Protein backbone atom coordinates (compact mmCIF):
# COMPACT_ATOMS: atom_id res chain seq x y z
CA MET A 1 0.01 0.00 0.02
CA PRO A 2 1.57 3.29 -1.06
CA PRO A 3 2.20 5.86 1.74
CA ALA A 4 -0.34 8.57 2.20
CA ALA A 5 0.50 11.78 0.56
CA ALA A 6 1.69 14.52 2.99
CA SER A 7 -0.88 17.29 3.50
CA PRO A 8 0.22 20.59 2.08
CA PRO A 9 1.39 23.24 4.67
CA PRO A 10 -1.23 25.91 5.55
CA PRO A 11 -0.78 29.13 3.53
CA ALA A 12 1.31 31.78 5.30
CA SER A 13 -0.56 34.77 6.64
CA PRO A 14 0.07 37.89 4.62
CA SER A 15 2.39 40.46 6.15
CA SER A 16 1.11 43.87 7.30
CA ALA A 17 2.62 45.47 4.20
CA GLN A 18 0.75 43.07 1.93
CA THR A 19 -2.53 43.56 3.85
CA ILE A 20 -2.14 47.38 3.47
CA ASP A 21 -1.61 46.97 -0.23
CA LEU A 22 -4.85 44.91 -0.56
CA ILE A 23 -6.73 47.49 1.53
CA SER A 24 -5.46 50.27 -0.70
CA GLN A 25 -6.64 48.50 -3.79
CA ILE A 26 -10.11 47.86 -2.37
CA LEU A 27 -10.33 51.48 -1.23
CA CYS A 28 -9.72 52.71 -4.80
CA VAL A 29 -12.58 50.55 -6.05
CA LEU A 30 -14.90 51.51 -3.15
CA HIS A 31 -14.47 55.19 -3.80
CA ILE A 32 -15.89 54.75 -7.25
CA SER A 33 -18.55 52.24 -6.09
CA CYS A 34 -19.87 54.54 -3.32
CA LEU A 35 -20.08 57.53 -5.69
CA SER A 36 -21.79 55.54 -8.42
CA ALA A 37 -24.32 53.76 -6.25
CA LYS A 38 -27.90 54.27 -7.46
CA SER A 39 -29.64 53.04 -4.29
CA PHE A 40 -29.27 54.13 -0.68
CA VAL A 41 -27.33 57.14 -1.93
CA GLY A 42 -27.37 58.95 1.45
CA ARG A 43 -25.86 55.99 3.27
CA PHE A 44 -23.18 55.57 0.58
CA GLN A 45 -22.21 59.26 0.91
CA VAL A 46 -21.62 58.66 4.64
CA LEU A 47 -19.56 55.58 3.91
CA HIS A 48 -17.53 57.42 1.31
CA SER A 49 -16.60 60.16 3.83
CA ARG A 50 -15.44 57.46 6.27
CA LEU A 51 -13.42 55.73 3.57
CA THR A 52 -11.70 59.06 2.79
CA ALA A 53 -10.80 59.47 6.49
CA LEU A 54 -9.60 55.87 6.61
CA GLU A 55 -7.40 56.38 3.56
CA ALA A 56 -5.79 59.42 5.23
CA SER A 57 -5.20 57.47 8.50
CA LEU A 58 -3.60 54.56 6.62
CA SER A 59 -1.27 56.96 4.88
CA GLU A 60 -0.21 58.38 8.20
CA ILE A 61 0.35 54.85 9.51
CA THR A 62 2.74 53.96 6.65
CA ASP A 63 4.72 57.16 7.28
CA ALA A 64 5.60 55.85 10.75
CA PRO A 65 8.98 54.15 10.89
CA HIS A 66 7.99 51.00 12.82
CA TRP A 67 4.37 50.56 11.81
CA SER A 68 4.85 47.09 10.26
CA ASP A 69 6.29 45.70 13.58
CA ASN A 70 3.33 46.64 15.70
CA SER A 71 1.39 43.56 16.82
CA LEU A 72 -1.76 45.49 17.48
CA LEU A 73 -1.82 46.76 13.93
CA GLN A 74 -1.23 43.18 12.69
CA ALA A 75 -4.43 42.23 14.44
CA LEU A 76 -6.41 45.24 13.23
CA LEU A 77 -5.61 45.21 9.49
CA PRO A 78 -7.14 41.75 8.67
CA ASN A 79 -10.40 42.79 10.39
CA LEU A 80 -10.40 46.01 8.45
CA LEU A 81 -9.77 44.16 5.21
CA SER A 82 -12.67 41.86 5.93
CA THR A 83 -15.01 44.85 6.56
CA LEU A 84 -14.00 46.55 3.28
CA GLN A 85 -14.48 43.31 1.32
CA ARG A 86 -18.00 42.98 2.78
CA LEU A 87 -18.76 46.61 1.82
CA LEU A 88 -17.54 45.97 -1.70
CA SER A 89 -19.92 43.08 -2.01
CA LEU A 90 -22.85 45.22 -0.79
CA ALA A 91 -21.89 48.13 -3.08
CA ASP A 92 -21.99 45.79 -6.14
CA GLN A 93 -25.61 45.02 -5.36
CA CYS A 94 -26.63 48.69 -5.37
CA HIS A 95 -25.35 49.82 -8.80
CA GLY A 96 -28.64 49.29 -10.51
CA THR A 97 -31.30 51.96 -10.90
CA SER A 98 -33.69 49.91 -8.78
CA PHE A 99 -32.72 47.64 -5.87
CA THR A 100 -34.67 44.35 -6.00
CA GLY A 101 -33.43 42.77 -2.75
CA GLY A 102 -34.66 43.25 0.81
CA LYS A 103 -34.33 46.99 1.46
CA LEU A 104 -34.57 46.78 5.26
CA LEU A 105 -31.90 44.02 5.32
CA MET A 106 -29.56 46.05 3.09
CA GLN A 107 -30.11 49.20 5.20
CA SER A 108 -29.24 47.20 8.25
CA ASP A 109 -26.15 45.73 6.64
CA LEU A 110 -24.92 49.12 5.43
CA ASP A 111 -25.44 50.66 8.86
CA ARG A 112 -23.49 47.80 10.54
CA ILE A 113 -20.65 48.34 8.03
CA SER A 114 -20.75 52.11 8.78
CA ILE A 115 -20.47 51.36 12.54
CA SER A 116 -17.58 48.91 11.95
CA LEU A 117 -15.68 51.53 9.89
CA SER A 118 -16.19 54.08 12.71
CA ASP A 119 -14.74 51.58 15.17
CA HIS A 120 -11.77 50.88 12.93
CA LEU A 121 -11.15 54.64 12.52
CA HIS A 122 -11.32 55.06 16.32
CA ASP A 123 -8.83 52.25 16.87
CA ILE A 124 -6.41 53.50 14.25
CA ASP A 125 -6.69 57.00 15.62
CA LEU A 126 -5.79 55.65 19.07
CA LEU A 127 -2.74 53.92 17.68
CA LEU A 128 -1.58 57.07 15.87
CA ARG A 129 -2.10 59.36 18.86
CA SER A 130 -0.33 56.98 21.26
CA GLY A 131 2.86 57.36 19.29
CA VAL A 132 3.70 53.71 19.64
CA LEU A 133 4.00 53.27 15.88
CA ARG A 134 7.02 55.52 15.94
CA GLN A 135 8.85 53.36 18.51
CA SER A 136 10.41 50.05 17.85
CA SER A 137 8.44 47.15 19.43
CA ALA A 138 11.64 45.75 20.79
CA ILE A 139 11.92 48.84 23.04
CA VAL A 140 8.33 49.62 23.72
CA LEU A 141 7.02 46.23 24.61
CA SER A 142 9.83 45.07 26.93
CA HIS A 143 9.24 45.75 30.62
CA PRO A 144 11.20 48.88 31.68
CA VAL A 145 14.19 48.16 33.88
CA PRO A 146 14.92 50.35 36.92
CA GLY A 147 16.34 53.66 35.80
CA SER A 148 14.76 53.57 32.34
CA ALA A 149 14.51 56.88 30.56
CA LYS A 150 11.25 58.74 31.15
CA GLU A 151 10.59 58.76 27.41
CA ASP A 152 10.78 54.98 27.23
CA LEU A 153 8.36 54.68 30.17
CA ILE A 154 5.90 57.04 28.49
CA TYR A 155 5.90 55.01 25.28
CA TYR A 156 5.53 51.77 27.28
CA ILE A 157 2.55 53.14 29.15
CA ARG A 158 0.88 54.49 26.00
CA ASP A 159 1.37 51.14 24.32
CA LEU A 160 -0.28 49.31 27.23
CA PHE A 161 -3.27 51.55 27.31
CA THR A 162 -3.61 51.30 23.52
CA ARG A 163 -3.80 47.52 23.96
CA LEU A 164 -6.43 47.93 26.59
CA GLN A 165 -8.69 49.88 24.26
CA ILE A 166 -8.37 48.14 20.93
CA GLY A 167 -6.80 44.74 21.62
CA GLY A 168 -8.54 41.38 22.14
CA LEU A 169 -8.76 39.47 25.44
CA GLU A 170 -5.13 38.33 25.26
CA PHE A 171 -3.87 41.82 24.62
CA LYS A 172 -5.96 43.20 27.47
CA GLU A 173 -4.86 40.52 29.96
CA LYS A 174 -1.15 41.08 29.18
CA ALA A 175 -1.48 44.81 29.25
CA LEU A 176 -3.10 44.80 32.66
CA GLU A 177 -0.65 42.29 33.95
CA SER A 178 2.17 44.55 32.78
CA LEU A 179 0.53 47.61 34.40
CA ILE A 180 0.24 45.79 37.77
CA ARG A 181 3.89 44.73 37.56
CA LEU A 182 4.97 48.29 36.57
CA LEU A 183 3.06 49.93 39.42
CA SER A 184 4.28 47.29 41.91
CA ASP A 185 7.94 47.56 40.90
CA ASP A 186 8.05 51.32 40.89
CA GLU A 187 5.71 53.46 42.96
CA LYS A 188 6.74 56.59 41.14
CA SER A 189 5.36 55.22 37.87
CA ALA A 190 1.79 55.78 39.10
CA LEU A 191 2.23 59.46 38.42
CA LEU A 192 3.22 58.78 34.80
CA VAL A 193 0.41 56.29 34.40
CA ALA A 194 -2.11 58.84 35.60
CA ARG A 195 -0.71 61.46 33.27
CA GLU A 196 -0.02 59.44 30.10
CA GLY A 197 -2.49 56.54 30.42
CA ASN A 198 -6.19 56.69 29.42
CA ILE A 199 -7.77 56.34 32.87
CA PRO A 200 -11.44 56.44 31.56
CA SER A 201 -10.73 53.30 29.41
CA LEU A 202 -9.44 51.62 32.56
CA ILE A 203 -12.48 52.62 34.61
CA GLN A 204 -14.72 51.30 31.86
CA LEU A 205 -13.31 47.80 32.37
CA LEU A 206 -14.69 47.70 35.91
CA ASP A 207 -18.30 47.55 34.61
CA ASN A 208 -18.18 46.85 30.86
CA THR A 209 -16.48 43.54 30.67
CA LYS A 210 -17.82 40.11 31.38
CA HIS A 211 -14.38 38.48 31.51
CA PRO A 212 -13.63 37.94 35.24
CA LEU A 213 -9.91 37.98 35.00
CA ILE A 214 -9.75 41.28 33.05
CA ARG A 215 -12.21 42.84 35.53
CA GLU A 216 -10.20 41.75 38.57
CA GLN A 217 -6.92 42.92 37.02
CA ALA A 218 -8.48 46.27 36.18
CA ILE A 219 -9.70 46.56 39.79
CA SER A 220 -6.16 45.84 41.05
CA VAL A 221 -4.72 48.60 38.79
CA VAL A 222 -7.35 51.17 39.89
CA ALA A 223 -6.80 50.30 43.57
CA ILE A 224 -3.05 50.65 43.22
CA LEU A 225 -3.41 54.05 41.42
CA ALA A 226 -5.84 55.27 44.05
CA SER A 227 -3.41 54.39 46.79
CA ALA A 228 -0.19 55.67 45.14
CA ASN A 229 -0.27 59.44 45.40
CA ASP A 230 -2.53 62.50 45.39
CA GLN A 231 -2.37 62.97 41.62
CA SER A 232 -3.21 59.38 40.62
CA ARG A 233 -5.94 59.25 43.26
CA LYS A 234 -7.41 62.42 41.80
CA ALA A 235 -7.26 61.01 38.26
CA VAL A 236 -9.17 57.89 39.36
CA PHE A 237 -11.82 59.91 41.22
CA ASP A 238 -12.27 62.54 38.55
CA GLU A 239 -12.83 59.89 35.96
CA GLY A 240 -15.63 58.31 37.95
CA GLY A 241 -13.83 55.44 39.69
CA LEU A 242 -15.72 55.53 42.95
CA GLY A 243 -19.10 54.46 41.75
CA PRO A 244 -17.93 51.25 39.98
CA LEU A 245 -15.75 50.33 42.99
CA LEU A 246 -18.78 50.59 45.28
CA ARG A 247 -20.86 48.45 42.93
CA ILE A 248 -18.14 45.79 42.87
CA LEU A 249 -17.88 45.88 46.71
CA GLU A 250 -21.55 45.12 46.77
CA THR A 251 -21.83 42.43 44.05
CA GLY A 252 -18.35 41.20 43.05
CA THR A 253 -16.41 38.08 43.88
CA LEU A 254 -14.46 37.98 47.17
CA GLY A 255 -11.19 38.91 45.50
CA MET A 256 -12.83 41.76 43.60
CA LYS A 257 -14.50 43.05 46.76
CA GLU A 258 -11.24 43.18 48.68
CA LYS A 259 -9.48 45.13 45.98
CA ALA A 260 -12.49 47.41 45.54
CA ALA A 261 -12.51 48.16 49.31
CA MET A 262 -8.82 49.01 49.17
CA GLY A 263 -9.51 51.48 46.32
CA ILE A 264 -12.47 53.03 48.12
CA GLU A 265 -10.51 53.59 51.27
CA ALA A 266 -7.72 55.19 49.28
CA LEU A 267 -10.10 57.48 47.30
CA THR A 268 -11.91 58.65 50.42
CA ALA A 269 -8.67 59.60 52.10
CA ASP A 270 -9.18 62.88 50.36
CA PRO A 271 -11.97 64.75 52.30
CA GLU A 272 -13.04 66.38 49.02
CA ASN A 273 -13.85 62.87 47.66
CA ALA A 274 -15.38 61.38 50.75
CA TRP A 275 -18.70 63.24 50.38
CA ALA A 276 -19.32 61.37 47.11
CA VAL A 277 -19.80 58.04 48.98
CA ALA A 278 -23.19 59.15 50.20
CA ALA A 279 -24.13 60.43 46.77
CA TYR A 280 -23.53 56.90 45.36
CA GLY A 281 -25.44 55.28 48.21
CA GLY A 282 -22.22 53.78 49.48
CA VAL A 283 -22.64 54.05 53.28
CA PRO A 284 -24.79 50.90 53.68
CA ILE A 285 -22.56 49.01 51.30
CA LEU A 286 -19.51 49.82 53.39
CA ILE A 287 -21.27 48.91 56.64
CA GLU A 288 -22.40 45.56 55.17
CA ALA A 289 -18.82 44.88 54.10
CA CYS A 290 -17.71 45.51 57.72
CA LYS A 291 -20.28 43.11 59.02
CA CYS A 292 -20.09 40.23 56.65
CA GLY A 293 -16.85 40.68 54.73
CA SER A 294 -13.45 39.00 54.99
CA MET A 295 -10.80 40.39 57.26
CA LEU A 296 -9.30 42.52 54.47
CA MET A 297 -12.75 43.84 53.45
CA GLN A 298 -13.39 44.82 57.03
CA VAL A 299 -10.09 46.62 57.38
CA TYR A 300 -10.47 48.66 54.16
CA SER A 301 -14.24 49.25 54.58
CA VAL A 302 -14.02 50.54 58.17
CA GLY A 303 -11.06 52.69 56.94
CA ALA A 304 -13.40 54.22 54.35
CA ILE A 305 -16.06 54.82 57.01
CA LYS A 306 -13.48 56.49 59.11
CA ASN A 307 -12.54 58.78 56.22
CA ILE A 308 -16.19 59.72 55.47
CA SER A 309 -16.90 60.35 59.20
CA ILE A 310 -14.85 63.50 58.76
CA VAL A 311 -17.59 64.97 56.56
CA GLU A 312 -20.21 66.54 58.86
CA ASP A 313 -23.15 65.97 56.52
CA ILE A 314 -22.50 62.18 56.32
CA ARG A 315 -22.23 61.53 60.06
CA SER A 316 -26.02 61.46 60.53
CA THR A 317 -26.22 58.89 57.73
CA LEU A 318 -23.68 56.74 59.60
CA VAL A 319 -26.01 56.75 62.62
CA ASP A 320 -29.07 56.03 60.54
CA GLU A 321 -27.35 52.97 59.05
CA SER A 322 -26.31 51.59 62.49
CA ALA A 323 -22.58 52.23 61.87
CA LEU A 324 -21.94 52.71 65.55
CA THR A 325 -23.06 49.15 66.33
CA VAL A 326 -20.62 47.79 63.73
CA LEU A 327 -17.76 49.96 65.02
CA MET A 328 -18.35 48.66 68.50
CA GLN A 329 -18.18 45.13 67.36
CA LEU A 330 -14.90 45.73 65.48
CA LEU A 331 -13.33 47.17 68.60
CA VAL A 332 -13.50 43.80 70.32
CA SER A 333 -13.68 41.29 67.48
CA GLY A 334 -11.75 42.84 64.63
CA ASN A 335 -8.05 42.34 63.84
CA ASN A 336 -5.48 44.96 64.88
CA ALA A 337 -5.80 47.04 61.71
CA ALA A 338 -9.66 46.98 61.90
CA GLN A 339 -9.53 47.94 65.62
CA GLU A 340 -7.24 50.87 64.90
CA ARG A 341 -9.51 52.20 62.14
CA ALA A 342 -12.67 51.67 64.23
CA ALA A 343 -11.13 53.48 67.15
CA ASN A 344 -10.06 56.33 64.92
CA CYS A 345 -13.60 56.69 63.54
CA LEU A 346 -15.01 56.71 67.03
CA SER A 347 -12.48 59.33 68.15
CA ILE A 348 -13.61 61.55 65.24
CA LEU A 349 -17.29 61.12 66.16
CA ALA A 350 -16.70 61.60 69.85
CA SER A 351 -14.71 64.72 69.25
CA SER A 352 -17.39 66.23 66.96
CA SER A 353 -20.35 66.92 69.33
CA ASN A 354 -22.23 66.08 72.51
CA TYR A 355 -24.80 64.23 70.39
CA PHE A 356 -22.26 61.59 69.22
CA ARG A 357 -20.62 61.35 72.61
CA ALA A 358 -24.02 60.48 74.11
CA LEU A 359 -24.67 57.93 71.38
CA ILE A 360 -21.28 56.24 71.88
CA ILE A 361 -21.90 56.04 75.65
CA GLN A 362 -25.41 54.68 75.04
CA GLU A 363 -24.01 52.00 72.77
CA ARG A 364 -21.56 50.96 75.56
CA GLY A 365 -18.65 52.31 73.63
CA PHE A 366 -16.81 53.54 76.73
CA PRO A 367 -16.09 50.15 78.37
CA ARG A 368 -14.98 48.66 75.02
CA LEU A 369 -12.65 51.61 74.41
CA LEU A 370 -11.26 51.21 77.91
CA LYS A 371 -10.71 47.46 77.41
CA LEU A 372 -8.87 48.11 74.11
CA PHE A 373 -6.79 50.80 75.84
CA HIS A 374 -5.60 48.23 78.42
CA ASP A 375 -5.07 45.39 75.83
CA SER A 376 -3.59 47.08 72.79
CA THR A 377 0.14 47.45 72.28
CA SER A 378 -0.11 49.57 69.14
CA PHE A 379 0.74 53.24 69.65
CA GLU A 380 -1.47 54.16 66.65
CA THR A 381 -4.50 52.38 68.15
CA LEU A 382 -3.82 53.84 71.62
CA GLU A 383 -3.72 57.30 70.10
CA HIS A 384 -7.23 57.01 68.71
CA VAL A 385 -8.61 55.18 71.75
CA LEU A 386 -7.26 57.84 74.16
CA THR A 387 -8.55 60.67 71.95
CA ALA A 388 -12.00 59.10 72.10
CA ILE A 389 -11.78 58.56 75.88
CA LEU A 390 -10.60 62.16 76.32
CA ALA A 391 -13.66 63.45 74.43
CA LEU A 392 -16.04 61.13 76.42
CA SER A 393 -14.46 62.36 79.68
CA SER A 394 -16.44 65.58 79.28
CA SER A 395 -19.33 63.54 80.66
CA ASP A 396 -19.29 63.74 84.42
CA PRO A 397 -20.07 59.99 85.04
CA ILE A 398 -17.18 59.00 82.65
CA ALA A 399 -14.82 61.42 84.28
CA ARG A 400 -15.65 60.05 87.76
CA MET A 401 -15.02 56.49 86.60
CA LEU A 402 -11.71 57.38 85.07
CA SER A 403 -10.60 59.44 88.10
CA SER A 404 -11.23 56.45 90.38
CA SER A 405 -9.37 53.92 88.19
CA THR A 406 -5.87 53.46 89.49
CA ASN A 407 -5.15 51.06 86.64
CA PHE A 408 -6.12 53.67 84.03
CA ILE A 409 -4.17 56.44 85.73
CA THR A 410 -1.02 54.25 86.11
CA GLN A 411 -1.17 53.41 82.40
CA LEU A 412 -1.36 57.14 81.57
CA SER A 413 1.87 57.61 83.53
CA GLU A 414 3.54 54.72 81.62
CA LEU A 415 2.55 56.35 78.31
CA ILE A 416 4.10 59.66 79.41
CA ILE A 417 7.27 57.83 80.17
CA HIS A 418 7.45 55.46 77.24
CA GLY A 419 4.92 56.61 74.60
CA ASN A 420 5.30 58.73 71.56
CA VAL A 421 4.77 62.48 71.73
CA ILE A 422 1.13 62.28 70.67
CA LEU A 423 0.33 59.78 73.44
CA GLN A 424 2.29 61.85 75.90
CA LYS A 425 0.22 64.92 75.09
CA ILE A 426 -3.14 63.21 75.32
CA SER A 427 -2.13 61.47 78.55
CA ALA A 428 -0.96 64.71 80.10
CA THR A 429 -4.22 66.32 79.06
CA LEU A 430 -6.25 63.64 80.87
CA ILE A 431 -4.06 63.97 83.99
CA SER A 432 -4.58 67.67 84.07
CA ASN A 433 -8.34 67.45 83.38
CA LEU A 434 -9.29 64.64 85.82
CA SER A 435 -9.69 65.06 89.58
CA PHE A 436 -8.17 62.01 91.22
CA SER A 437 -7.00 61.23 94.72
CA ASP A 438 -3.74 62.15 96.36
CA GLY A 439 -2.89 58.42 96.55
CA ASN A 440 -3.21 58.11 92.74
CA LYS A 441 -1.14 61.24 92.30
CA ARG A 442 1.57 59.75 94.45
CA ALA A 443 1.35 56.51 92.45
CA ILE A 444 2.38 58.29 89.17
CA ALA A 445 5.00 60.66 90.59
CA SER A 446 7.61 58.92 88.44
CA CYS A 447 6.27 60.59 85.30
CA MET A 448 6.98 64.15 86.60
CA PRO A 449 10.50 64.43 85.18
CA HIS A 450 9.09 63.41 81.77
CA LEU A 451 6.41 66.06 81.99
CA VAL A 452 9.21 68.63 82.65
CA ARG A 453 10.90 67.48 79.51
CA LEU A 454 7.66 67.74 77.56
CA MET A 455 7.48 71.39 78.54
CA GLU A 456 10.54 72.07 76.39
CA LEU A 457 9.04 70.69 73.22
CA PRO A 458 7.85 73.22 70.61
CA LYS A 459 5.57 70.63 68.87
CA PRO A 460 2.93 69.43 68.74
CA GLY A 461 1.07 72.67 69.59
CA GLY A 462 -0.29 72.88 73.17
CA ILE A 463 2.01 70.24 74.62
CA GLN A 464 3.88 72.71 76.82
CA GLU A 465 0.61 73.95 78.34
CA VAL A 466 -0.90 70.50 79.13
CA ALA A 467 2.42 69.19 80.48
CA SER A 468 2.66 72.18 82.90
CA GLN A 469 -0.97 71.77 83.93
CA ALA A 470 -0.47 68.12 84.64
CA LEU A 471 2.58 68.91 86.68
CA VAL A 472 0.75 71.58 88.70
CA SER A 473 -2.01 69.05 89.44
CA LEU A 474 0.53 66.38 90.66
CA LEU A 475 2.39 68.98 92.75
CA THR A 476 -0.56 69.61 94.98
CA VAL A 477 0.73 66.53 96.94
CA ARG A 478 3.56 67.36 99.34
CA SER A 479 5.58 64.18 98.70
CA ASN A 480 5.48 64.86 94.97
CA ARG A 481 6.89 68.28 95.49
CA LYS A 482 9.77 66.87 97.58
CA GLU A 483 10.48 64.15 94.97
CA LEU A 484 10.68 66.61 92.06
CA ALA A 485 12.77 69.03 93.99
CA ARG A 486 15.34 66.26 94.58
CA ASP A 487 15.68 65.85 90.81
CA GLU A 488 18.46 68.22 89.93
CA LYS A 489 18.09 67.70 86.23
CA SER A 490 14.43 68.73 86.34
CA LEU A 491 15.22 71.81 88.41
CA MET A 492 17.92 72.83 85.96
CA ARG A 493 15.49 72.34 83.05
CA LEU A 494 12.87 74.52 84.74
CA THR A 495 15.42 77.22 85.48
CA HIS A 496 16.58 77.20 81.87
CA MET A 497 12.96 77.48 80.76
CA LEU A 498 12.64 80.59 82.98
CA ASP A 499 15.57 82.31 81.23
CA VAL A 500 14.27 85.27 79.21
CA GLN A 501 16.73 84.40 76.49
CA ASN A 502 15.09 81.01 76.04
CA GLU A 503 12.32 81.93 73.59
CA ALA A 504 11.23 78.37 72.86
CA VAL A 505 9.03 78.09 75.95
CA CYS A 506 6.12 80.33 76.97
CA LYS A 507 7.21 81.64 80.37
CA GLN A 508 3.89 81.35 82.18
CA TYR A 509 4.16 77.59 82.07
CA PRO A 510 7.46 77.08 83.95
CA VAL A 511 6.43 79.93 86.26
CA ALA A 512 3.27 78.05 87.21
CA VAL A 513 5.27 74.87 87.88
CA VAL A 514 7.86 76.71 89.97
CA SER A 515 5.11 78.39 91.97
CA ALA A 516 3.40 75.07 92.59
CA LEU A 517 6.69 73.44 93.59
CA ALA A 518 7.51 76.21 96.04
CA GLY A 519 3.97 76.26 97.51
CA GLY A 520 2.61 74.59 100.64
CA GLY A 521 5.39 75.55 103.08
CA SER A 522 8.01 73.40 101.40
CA ASN A 523 11.20 75.14 102.65
CA GLY A 524 13.37 72.42 101.22
CA CYS A 525 11.88 72.82 97.75
CA ARG A 526 12.27 76.64 97.92
CA LYS A 527 15.89 76.33 98.96
CA ARG A 528 16.71 74.03 96.02
CA LEU A 529 15.01 76.26 93.55
CA VAL A 530 16.82 79.36 94.83
CA ALA A 531 20.11 77.45 94.77
CA VAL A 532 19.76 76.75 91.05
CA GLY A 533 18.95 80.45 90.34
CA ALA A 534 15.17 80.18 89.82
CA LEU A 535 14.44 83.20 92.08
CA THR A 536 16.63 85.48 90.04
CA MET A 537 14.96 84.32 86.85
CA VAL A 538 11.39 84.70 88.24
CA GLN A 539 12.14 88.21 89.62
CA ARG A 540 13.17 89.28 86.14
CA LEU A 541 9.90 87.79 84.74
CA ALA A 542 7.92 89.59 87.45
CA GLU A 543 9.43 92.87 86.30
CA MET A 544 8.23 91.93 82.81
CA GLU A 545 4.78 91.30 84.33
CA VAL A 546 4.62 87.63 83.20
CA ALA A 547 1.42 86.07 84.50
CA GLY A 548 1.97 84.38 87.87
CA ALA A 549 5.55 85.58 88.29
CA LYS A 550 4.92 87.93 91.25
CA LYS A 551 3.16 85.13 93.15
CA ALA A 552 6.09 82.81 92.40
CA VAL A 553 8.55 85.44 93.70
CA LEU A 554 6.62 85.65 97.00
CA ARG A 555 6.68 81.85 97.35
CA LEU A 556 10.33 81.54 96.55
CA SER A 557 11.30 84.40 98.93
CA GLY A 558 9.36 82.67 101.68
CA ASN A 559 10.87 83.12 105.19
CA ARG A 560 13.33 85.75 104.12
CA LEU A 561 10.49 88.10 103.21
CA LYS A 562 8.69 87.33 106.45
CA ASN A 563 11.87 88.07 108.47
CA ILE A 564 12.29 91.48 106.70
CA LEU A 565 8.64 92.37 107.51
CA SER A 566 9.04 91.20 111.11
CA ARG A 567 12.24 93.22 111.67
CA THR A 568 10.62 96.31 110.18
CA TRP A 569 7.63 95.99 112.53
CA ARG A 570 9.91 95.65 115.67
CA GLU A 571 11.88 98.70 114.69
């Protein structure tokens, strides 16, 4: 039996140059056919104008140095050729004086061809405007290495966005994958992407694609851009990114929802954007994500709620949608990041008005905040918790509970000694505001030297005042006065702060502390203050009429002034 004959190889696909030649030939014929058509004359006139525009665009393409290497163009040209061949077939049927076929069907076919030509023109125009046809594919399509020239990055970004808009699924997937890699490798590239990329086309992929992978990749790119910097965040918001992200958070898959929540938190970090959440009906969506979402969804969603709580007009909506209940749950059941954001949100609400303070207390927010204060080791979380507690302490019952809690007061002292400057300021404020027993004041005497050091800090604003007020409160106890007076470093710091040449400290604060330290008949304290030169400094300040300085002079002068008055009376 003779061997079977080998099947012939498939014909090779024509090159881009060959396809362009075929298109040019058909265009020449179509120009004549459209002008000589006897039926549907109006439609053929429209088609003729589009063919003329197409011919001009193709001429511009062939003028570009690297047009034949572009893979997108290699995919576009065969589709364009097919459209033109179909149009030529339809035009041949319309040369007679009377059309004998189905008129409605022909009208529909011509309209579809017209739409297809418009789409081809749009895609070719995108290619031309992107500039990628003037750059070698070997340079443009390779992933930029660190330190690549800005011009190469721009061409690369434009090429990727061109593929997003006119490429098929494979082009879109690879373009989005490349964008994610670029943004992940180089944070600074987000600014170029926002400036040079077509952000609206990216936003459209969030809603207008049924391909799950492309949609999820697009969400990732949008979330990264929203989180990168102010300019890229503004670009995403201005092009309408918030609404699609909220819809995805409500109806998307778990992975999509997590990335959408990340993008929403980033967008709402700008107070000018946060108001729009309510306009899109996003408050209940965020609250639901906090209640039923994954850990990441909870973290990002409560972060977005925290951001929008800054907007006064939205706060009432948060209450109406039971956001407070969800925030309370996250304080005790959420992970560390969710707890920190929930505490931050409550601190904003508690600091805003008596109305919200009453609601937080009513929802048993105070004991939960107090528990988190004792349990948390995160300075960021403690800052927000203490801020909320400070606001709630304006309520007399809360203030009384805090004043009687030795555990709470002792932890405030530890934060003044070991905390960051924000925690130190808030803790000092609470110590100065609360009225607690002499026993509790003695229990935290060890924090007094640290309060003295805080009085020297120029920032944050107000820290010198609250530190001095806390010290004055603690110095009402005699043993505390004696203990601070034995600390030579603290006395030297106070004396230095009293020096008129030291302009970094408002003089009324060290004056108040020195006056408190010298009060109550503490001769030993007065002697130590006089020995380090405090009296001389305060006398100078009294002459300058600094508030409290004259009283401090009298206390520091003490027995010597009494002896002078007594001797004068005897004489």
